[in-house]
Amino acid sequence: MLEIELKALIDAGSFQNLEEKILAHNFYFSQLLEESDHYFNAPDRNFAESDEALRIREQRTELSVQTMLTYKGAKVDPLSNTRVEVETEISDAAGMREILKFLGYKSVLTVKKKRREYRGTAEFSQINICLDELAGLGSFIEIEYCAESDISQKERESIRNRLLSLLDLLGISRSGLTRKSYLELLIEQATS
């Protein structure tokens, strides 16, 4: 799967009114989540240098807990966070962390966030929007489209441009766009 994604920092005032705008543009509220993303670094290469990521995500709703192991490849687009993503559900986060530890993977950091998910309908049927709040980092919007891994560069760019147009439609300034992951932003914050 290829995840074509835009992420932007949102000021507190705009964040409060954003849900109303999203709902007015053929999106519906899907779910409220609390996520803990446990990131790891490989024993044979530095993921910060190769622009890859490996994480265990624990995702909680009011009714359930879901745990996934996710690999993210290096970004393939200079304007977005487009990258290959492979994800599988696992039943035991602690057990998976132990397996990774025994294989030489090192725990890097845990990213915790509150997330509101919205799913598109009509012309936005394949687009998801997430409003994320991270302690110490602020509020963000992520707009994503999941595509087949083998689509052409022209198709990727067309989808990315469509996401940029949606960002404009929602009144989100492109100056807030970032290609950095939450992990990168937290590490950057800790070292400055």
C-alpha atoms as a PDB file:
ATOM      1  CA  MET A   1       0.000   0.000   0.000  1.00  0.00           C
ATOM      2  CA  LEU A   2       1.143   3.551  -0.720  1.00  0.00           C
ATOM      3  CA  GLU A   3       0.102   6.188   1.784  1.00  0.00           C
ATOM      4  CA  ILE A   4      -0.120   9.637   0.193  1.00  0.00           C
ATOM      5  CA  GLU A   5      -0.300  12.067   3.083  1.00  0.00           C
ATOM      6  CA  LEU A   6      -0.131  15.740   3.938  1.00  0.00           C
ATOM      7  CA  LYS A   7       0.438  16.951   7.499  1.00  0.00           C
ATOM      8  CA  ALA A   8       0.132  20.520   8.738  1.00  0.00           C
ATOM      9  CA  LEU A   9       0.466  22.269  12.076  1.00  0.00           C
ATOM     10  CA  ILE A  10      -2.755  24.072  13.008  1.00  0.00           C
ATOM     11  CA  ASP A  11      -2.992  27.027  15.381  1.00  0.00           C
ATOM     12  CA  ALA A  12      -5.343  26.542  18.354  1.00  0.00           C
ATOM     13  CA  GLY A  13      -7.982  28.985  17.066  1.00  0.00           C
ATOM     14  CA  SER A  14      -8.259  27.335  13.655  1.00  0.00           C
ATOM     15  CA  PHE A  15      -8.241  23.845  15.172  1.00  0.00           C
ATOM     16  CA  GLN A  16     -11.436  24.558  17.160  1.00  0.00           C
ATOM     17  CA  ASN A  17     -13.416  25.468  14.002  1.00  0.00           C
ATOM     18  CA  LEU A  18     -11.930  22.836  11.718  1.00  0.00           C
ATOM     19  CA  GLU A  19     -14.380  20.021  12.468  1.00  0.00           C
ATOM     20  CA  GLU A  20     -17.296  22.153  11.288  1.00  0.00           C
ATOM     21  CA  LYS A  21     -15.498  22.824   7.979  1.00  0.00           C
ATOM     22  CA  ILE A  22     -14.620  19.146   7.521  1.00  0.00           C
ATOM     23  CA  LEU A  23     -18.201  18.018   8.110  1.00  0.00           C
ATOM     24  CA  ALA A  24     -19.474  20.642   5.641  1.00  0.00           C
ATOM     25  CA  HIS A  25     -17.341  19.141   2.822  1.00  0.00           C
ATOM     26  CA  ASN A  26     -18.662  15.558   2.472  1.00  0.00           C
ATOM     27  CA  PHE A  27     -16.842  14.034   5.453  1.00  0.00           C
ATOM     28  CA  TYR A  28     -18.323  12.291   8.461  1.00  0.00           C
ATOM     29  CA  PHE A  29     -16.892  11.723  11.928  1.00  0.00           C
ATOM     30  CA  SER A  30     -15.616   8.153  12.235  1.00  0.00           C
ATOM     31  CA  GLN A  31     -14.048   7.738  15.673  1.00  0.00           C
ATOM     32  CA  LEU A  32     -12.117   9.229  18.565  1.00  0.00           C
ATOM     33  CA  LEU A  33      -8.862   7.430  19.349  1.00  0.00           C
ATOM     34  CA  GLU A  34      -5.999   7.537  21.794  1.00  0.00           C
ATOM     35  CA  GLU A  35      -2.832   6.226  20.174  1.00  0.00           C
ATOM     36  CA  SER A  36       0.535   5.226  21.590  1.00  0.00           C
ATOM     37  CA  ASP A  37       3.167   4.665  18.912  1.00  0.00           C
ATOM     38  CA  HIS A  38       6.286   2.832  20.108  1.00  0.00           C
ATOM     39  CA  TYR A  39       9.112   3.418  17.592  1.00  0.00           C
ATOM     40  CA  PHE A  40      12.163   1.223  17.097  1.00  0.00           C
ATOM     41  CA  ASN A  41      15.498   1.499  15.325  1.00  0.00           C
ATOM     42  CA  ALA A  42      17.030  -1.418  13.414  1.00  0.00           C
ATOM     43  CA  PRO A  43      20.267  -3.142  14.433  1.00  0.00           C
ATOM     44  CA  ASP A  44      21.653  -3.007  10.866  1.00  0.00           C
ATOM     45  CA  ARG A  45      20.839   0.596   9.873  1.00  0.00           C
ATOM     46  CA  ASN A  46      19.674   3.891  11.318  1.00  0.00           C
ATOM     47  CA  PHE A  47      16.049   4.534  10.369  1.00  0.00           C
ATOM     48  CA  ALA A  48      16.528   8.271  10.973  1.00  0.00           C
ATOM     49  CA  GLU A  49      19.122   8.248   8.167  1.00  0.00           C
ATOM     50  CA  SER A  50      17.237   5.885   5.827  1.00  0.00           C
ATOM     51  CA  ASP A  51      13.915   7.744   6.420  1.00  0.00           C
ATOM     52  CA  GLU A  52      12.157   4.514   7.431  1.00  0.00           C
ATOM     53  CA  ALA A  53      10.058   3.759  10.494  1.00  0.00           C
ATOM     54  CA  LEU A  54       9.032   0.701  12.476  1.00  0.00           C
ATOM     55  CA  ARG A  55       6.395   1.053  15.162  1.00  0.00           C
ATOM     56  CA  ILE A  56       3.948  -0.785  17.351  1.00  0.00           C
ATOM     57  CA  ARG A  57       0.710   1.214  17.585  1.00  0.00           C
ATOM     58  CA  GLU A  58      -1.717   0.682  20.427  1.00  0.00           C
ATOM     59  CA  GLN A  59      -5.008   2.286  19.442  1.00  0.00           C
ATOM     60  CA  ARG A  60      -7.773   2.722  22.007  1.00  0.00           C
ATOM     61  CA  THR A  61     -11.422   3.643  21.547  1.00  0.00           C
ATOM     62  CA  GLU A  62     -14.109   3.663  24.222  1.00  0.00           C
ATOM     63  CA  LEU A  63     -14.903   0.052  23.347  1.00  0.00           C
ATOM     64  CA  SER A  64     -11.716  -1.628  22.160  1.00  0.00           C
ATOM     65  CA  VAL A  65      -7.944  -1.789  21.892  1.00  0.00           C
ATOM     66  CA  GLN A  66      -6.243  -2.639  18.611  1.00  0.00           C
ATOM     67  CA  THR A  67      -2.516  -3.194  18.172  1.00  0.00           C
ATOM     68  CA  MET A  68      -0.623  -3.006  14.873  1.00  0.00           C
ATOM     69  CA  LEU A  69       2.952  -3.484  13.740  1.00  0.00           C
ATOM     70  CA  THR A  70       3.787  -1.001  10.978  1.00  0.00           C
ATOM     71  CA  TYR A  71       6.739  -0.544   8.642  1.00  0.00           C
ATOM     72  CA  LYS A  72       7.013   2.733   6.710  1.00  0.00           C
ATOM     73  CA  GLY A  73       9.456   3.095   3.834  1.00  0.00           C
ATOM     74  CA  ALA A  74      11.346   6.214   2.853  1.00  0.00           C
ATOM     75  CA  LYS A  75       9.331   9.166   1.540  1.00  0.00           C
ATOM     76  CA  VAL A  76       9.075   9.206  -2.267  1.00  0.00           C
ATOM     77  CA  ASP A  77       7.672  12.700  -2.896  1.00  0.00           C
ATOM     78  CA  PRO A  78       9.406  16.032  -2.157  1.00  0.00           C
ATOM     79  CA  LEU A  79       6.169  17.829  -1.150  1.00  0.00           C
ATOM     80  CA  SER A  80       4.320  15.228   0.919  1.00  0.00           C
ATOM     81  CA  ASN A  81       4.746  12.282   3.257  1.00  0.00           C
ATOM     82  CA  THR A  82       4.055   9.727   0.522  1.00  0.00           C
ATOM     83  CA  ARG A  83       5.618   6.362   1.351  1.00  0.00           C
ATOM     84  CA  VAL A  84       5.064   2.627   1.253  1.00  0.00           C
ATOM     85  CA  GLU A  85       3.333   1.376   4.376  1.00  0.00           C
ATOM     86  CA  VAL A  86       2.868  -2.230   5.465  1.00  0.00           C
ATOM     87  CA  GLU A  87       0.749  -2.872   8.529  1.00  0.00           C
ATOM     88  CA  THR A  88      -0.509  -5.977  10.291  1.00  0.00           C
ATOM     89  CA  GLU A  89      -2.584  -6.490  13.403  1.00  0.00           C
ATOM     90  CA  ILE A  90      -0.897  -8.192  16.358  1.00  0.00           C
ATOM     91  CA  SER A  91      -2.471  -9.437  19.565  1.00  0.00           C
ATOM     92  CA  ASP A  92       0.270  -8.733  22.113  1.00  0.00           C
ATOM     93  CA  ALA A  93       2.183  -5.422  22.066  1.00  0.00           C
ATOM     94  CA  ALA A  94       4.430  -6.342  25.010  1.00  0.00           C
ATOM     95  CA  GLY A  95       5.325  -9.685  23.437  1.00  0.00           C
ATOM     96  CA  MET A  96       6.115  -8.009  20.101  1.00  0.00           C
ATOM     97  CA  ARG A  97       8.345  -5.455  21.851  1.00  0.00           C
ATOM     98  CA  GLU A  98      10.240  -8.369  23.466  1.00  0.00           C
ATOM     99  CA  ILE A  99      10.673 -10.121  20.105  1.00  0.00           C
ATOM    100  CA  LEU A 100      12.042  -6.923  18.534  1.00  0.00           C
ATOM    101  CA  LYS A 101      14.386  -6.419  21.508  1.00  0.00           C
ATOM    102  CA  PHE A 102      15.792  -9.957  21.133  1.00  0.00           C
ATOM    103  CA  LEU A 103      16.312  -9.312  17.401  1.00  0.00           C
ATOM    104  CA  GLY A 104      18.432  -6.253  18.231  1.00  0.00           C
ATOM    105  CA  TYR A 105      15.885  -3.501  17.650  1.00  0.00           C
ATOM    106  CA  LYS A 106      16.192  -0.557  20.040  1.00  0.00           C
ATOM    107  CA  SER A 107      13.259   1.372  21.445  1.00  0.00           C
ATOM    108  CA  VAL A 108      13.525   5.019  20.350  1.00  0.00           C
ATOM    109  CA  LEU A 109      10.519   6.899  21.692  1.00  0.00           C
ATOM    110  CA  THR A 110       6.797   6.622  22.308  1.00  0.00           C
ATOM    111  CA  VAL A 111       4.508   9.164  20.652  1.00  0.00           C
ATOM    112  CA  LYS A 112       1.105   9.653  22.311  1.00  0.00           C
ATOM    113  CA  LYS A 113      -1.761  11.482  20.676  1.00  0.00           C
ATOM    114  CA  LYS A 114      -5.487  12.017  20.690  1.00  0.00           C
ATOM    115  CA  ARG A 115      -6.963  11.595  17.225  1.00  0.00           C
ATOM    116  CA  ARG A 116     -10.324  12.409  15.655  1.00  0.00           C
ATOM    117  CA  GLU A 117     -10.843  10.519  12.382  1.00  0.00           C
ATOM    118  CA  TYR A 118     -13.105  11.591   9.517  1.00  0.00           C
ATOM    119  CA  ARG A 119     -13.910   9.625   6.378  1.00  0.00           C
ATOM    120  CA  GLY A 120     -14.780  11.203   3.066  1.00  0.00           C
ATOM    121  CA  THR A 121     -17.848  10.563   0.948  1.00  0.00           C
ATOM    122  CA  ALA A 122     -18.826  11.495  -2.626  1.00  0.00           C
ATOM    123  CA  GLU A 123     -15.817  13.084  -4.359  1.00  0.00           C
ATOM    124  CA  PHE A 124     -13.697  12.498  -1.204  1.00  0.00           C
ATOM    125  CA  SER A 125     -14.608   8.814  -0.734  1.00  0.00           C
ATOM    126  CA  GLN A 126     -11.010   7.573  -0.630  1.00  0.00           C
ATOM    127  CA  ILE A 127      -9.694  10.335   1.628  1.00  0.00           C
ATOM    128  CA  ASN A 128      -9.359  10.271   5.406  1.00  0.00           C
ATOM    129  CA  ILE A 129      -8.714  13.258   7.637  1.00  0.00           C
ATOM    130  CA  CYS A 130      -7.248  13.044  11.121  1.00  0.00           C
ATOM    131  CA  LEU A 131      -7.156  15.861  13.660  1.00  0.00           C
ATOM    132  CA  ASP A 132      -4.337  15.108  16.086  1.00  0.00           C
ATOM    133  CA  GLU A 133      -3.426  16.665  19.417  1.00  0.00           C
ATOM    134  CA  LEU A 134       0.007  15.935  20.855  1.00  0.00           C
ATOM    135  CA  ALA A 135       1.143  17.191  24.232  1.00  0.00           C
ATOM    136  CA  GLY A 136       4.093  19.515  23.779  1.00  0.00           C
ATOM    137  CA  LEU A 137       3.817  19.646  19.973  1.00  0.00           C
ATOM    138  CA  GLY A 138       0.382  21.101  19.317  1.00  0.00           C
ATOM    139  CA  SER A 139      -2.472  20.326  16.944  1.00  0.00           C
ATOM    140  CA  PHE A 140      -2.130  18.885  13.444  1.00  0.00           C
ATOM    141  CA  ILE A 141      -4.252  17.828  10.502  1.00  0.00           C
ATOM    142  CA  GLU A 142      -3.350  14.795   8.412  1.00  0.00           C
ATOM    143  CA  ILE A 143      -5.063  14.234   5.081  1.00  0.00           C
ATOM    144  CA  GLU A 144      -4.371  10.847   3.522  1.00  0.00           C
ATOM    145  CA  TYR A 145      -5.216   8.698   0.550  1.00  0.00           C
ATOM    146  CA  CYS A 146      -4.245   5.015   0.419  1.00  0.00           C
ATOM    147  CA  ALA A 147      -3.343   3.758  -3.054  1.00  0.00           C
ATOM    148  CA  GLU A 148      -1.849   0.674  -4.645  1.00  0.00           C
ATOM    149  CA  SER A 149       1.949   0.614  -4.399  1.00  0.00           C
ATOM    150  CA  ASP A 150       2.405   0.371  -8.160  1.00  0.00           C
ATOM    151  CA  ILE A 151       0.618   3.556  -9.281  1.00  0.00           C
ATOM    152  CA  SER A 152       2.570   5.865 -11.577  1.00  0.00           C
ATOM    153  CA  GLN A 153       4.360   8.992 -10.460  1.00  0.00           C
ATOM    154  CA  LYS A 154       1.839  11.031 -12.458  1.00  0.00           C
ATOM    155  CA  GLU A 155      -1.046   9.404 -10.532  1.00  0.00           C
ATOM    156  CA  ARG A 156       0.736  10.006  -7.199  1.00  0.00           C
ATOM    157  CA  GLU A 157       1.248  13.669  -8.054  1.00  0.00           C
ATOM    158  CA  SER A 158      -2.384  14.031  -9.127  1.00  0.00           C
ATOM    159  CA  ILE A 159      -3.602  12.593  -5.817  1.00  0.00           C
ATOM    160  CA  ARG A 160      -1.161  14.775  -3.865  1.00  0.00           C
ATOM    161  CA  ASN A 161      -2.405  17.856  -5.707  1.00  0.00           C
ATOM    162  CA  ARG A 162      -5.985  16.855  -4.927  1.00  0.00           C
ATOM    163  CA  LEU A 163      -5.049  16.665  -1.223  1.00  0.00           C
ATOM    164  CA  LEU A 164      -3.403  20.085  -1.446  1.00  0.00           C
ATOM    165  CA  SER A 165      -6.606  21.485  -2.963  1.00  0.00           C
ATOM    166  CA  LEU A 166      -8.602  19.988  -0.080  1.00  0.00           C
ATOM    167  CA  LEU A 167      -6.220  21.639   2.367  1.00  0.00           C
ATOM    168  CA  ASP A 168      -6.921  24.971   0.632  1.00  0.00           C
ATOM    169  CA  LEU A 169     -10.670  24.288   0.687  1.00  0.00           C
ATOM    170  CA  LEU A 170     -10.500  23.799   4.463  1.00  0.00           C
ATOM    171  CA  GLY A 171      -8.636  27.105   4.837  1.00  0.00           C
ATOM    172  CA  ILE A 172      -5.404  25.513   6.084  1.00  0.00           C
ATOM    173  CA  SER A 173      -2.287  27.497   5.244  1.00  0.00           C
ATOM    174  CA  ARG A 174       0.315  25.561   3.276  1.00  0.00           C
ATOM    175  CA  SER A 175       2.974  27.317   5.360  1.00  0.00           C
ATOM    176  CA  GLY A 176       2.140  24.876   8.180  1.00  0.00           C
ATOM    177  CA  LEU A 177       2.896  21.794   6.053  1.00  0.00           C
ATOM    178  CA  THR A 178       5.614  19.495   7.341  1.00  0.00           C
ATOM    179  CA  ARG A 179       7.126  16.308   5.957  1.00  0.00           C
ATOM    180  CA  LYS A 180       8.475  15.397   9.392  1.00  0.00           C
ATOM    181  CA  SER A 181       6.884  12.605  11.387  1.00  0.00           C
ATOM    182  CA  TYR A 182       5.682  13.205  14.934  1.00  0.00           C
ATOM    183  CA  LEU A 183       8.684  11.150  16.049  1.00  0.00           C
ATOM    184  CA  GLU A 184      11.064  13.479  14.173  1.00  0.00           C
ATOM    185  CA  LEU A 185       9.333  16.564  15.581  1.00  0.00           C
ATOM    186  CA  LEU A 186       9.537  15.258  19.160  1.00  0.00           C
ATOM    187  CA  ILE A 187      13.211  14.304  18.794  1.00  0.00           C
ATOM    188  CA  GLU A 188      13.944  17.712  17.261  1.00  0.00           C
ATOM    189  CA  GLN A 189      12.144  19.424  20.137  1.00  0.00           C
ATOM    190  CA  ALA A 190      14.038  17.393  22.747  1.00  0.00           C
ATOM    191  CA  THR A 191      17.430  18.224  21.255  1.00  0.00           C
ATOM    192  CA  SER A 192      16.858  21.973  20.808  1.00  0.00           C
END
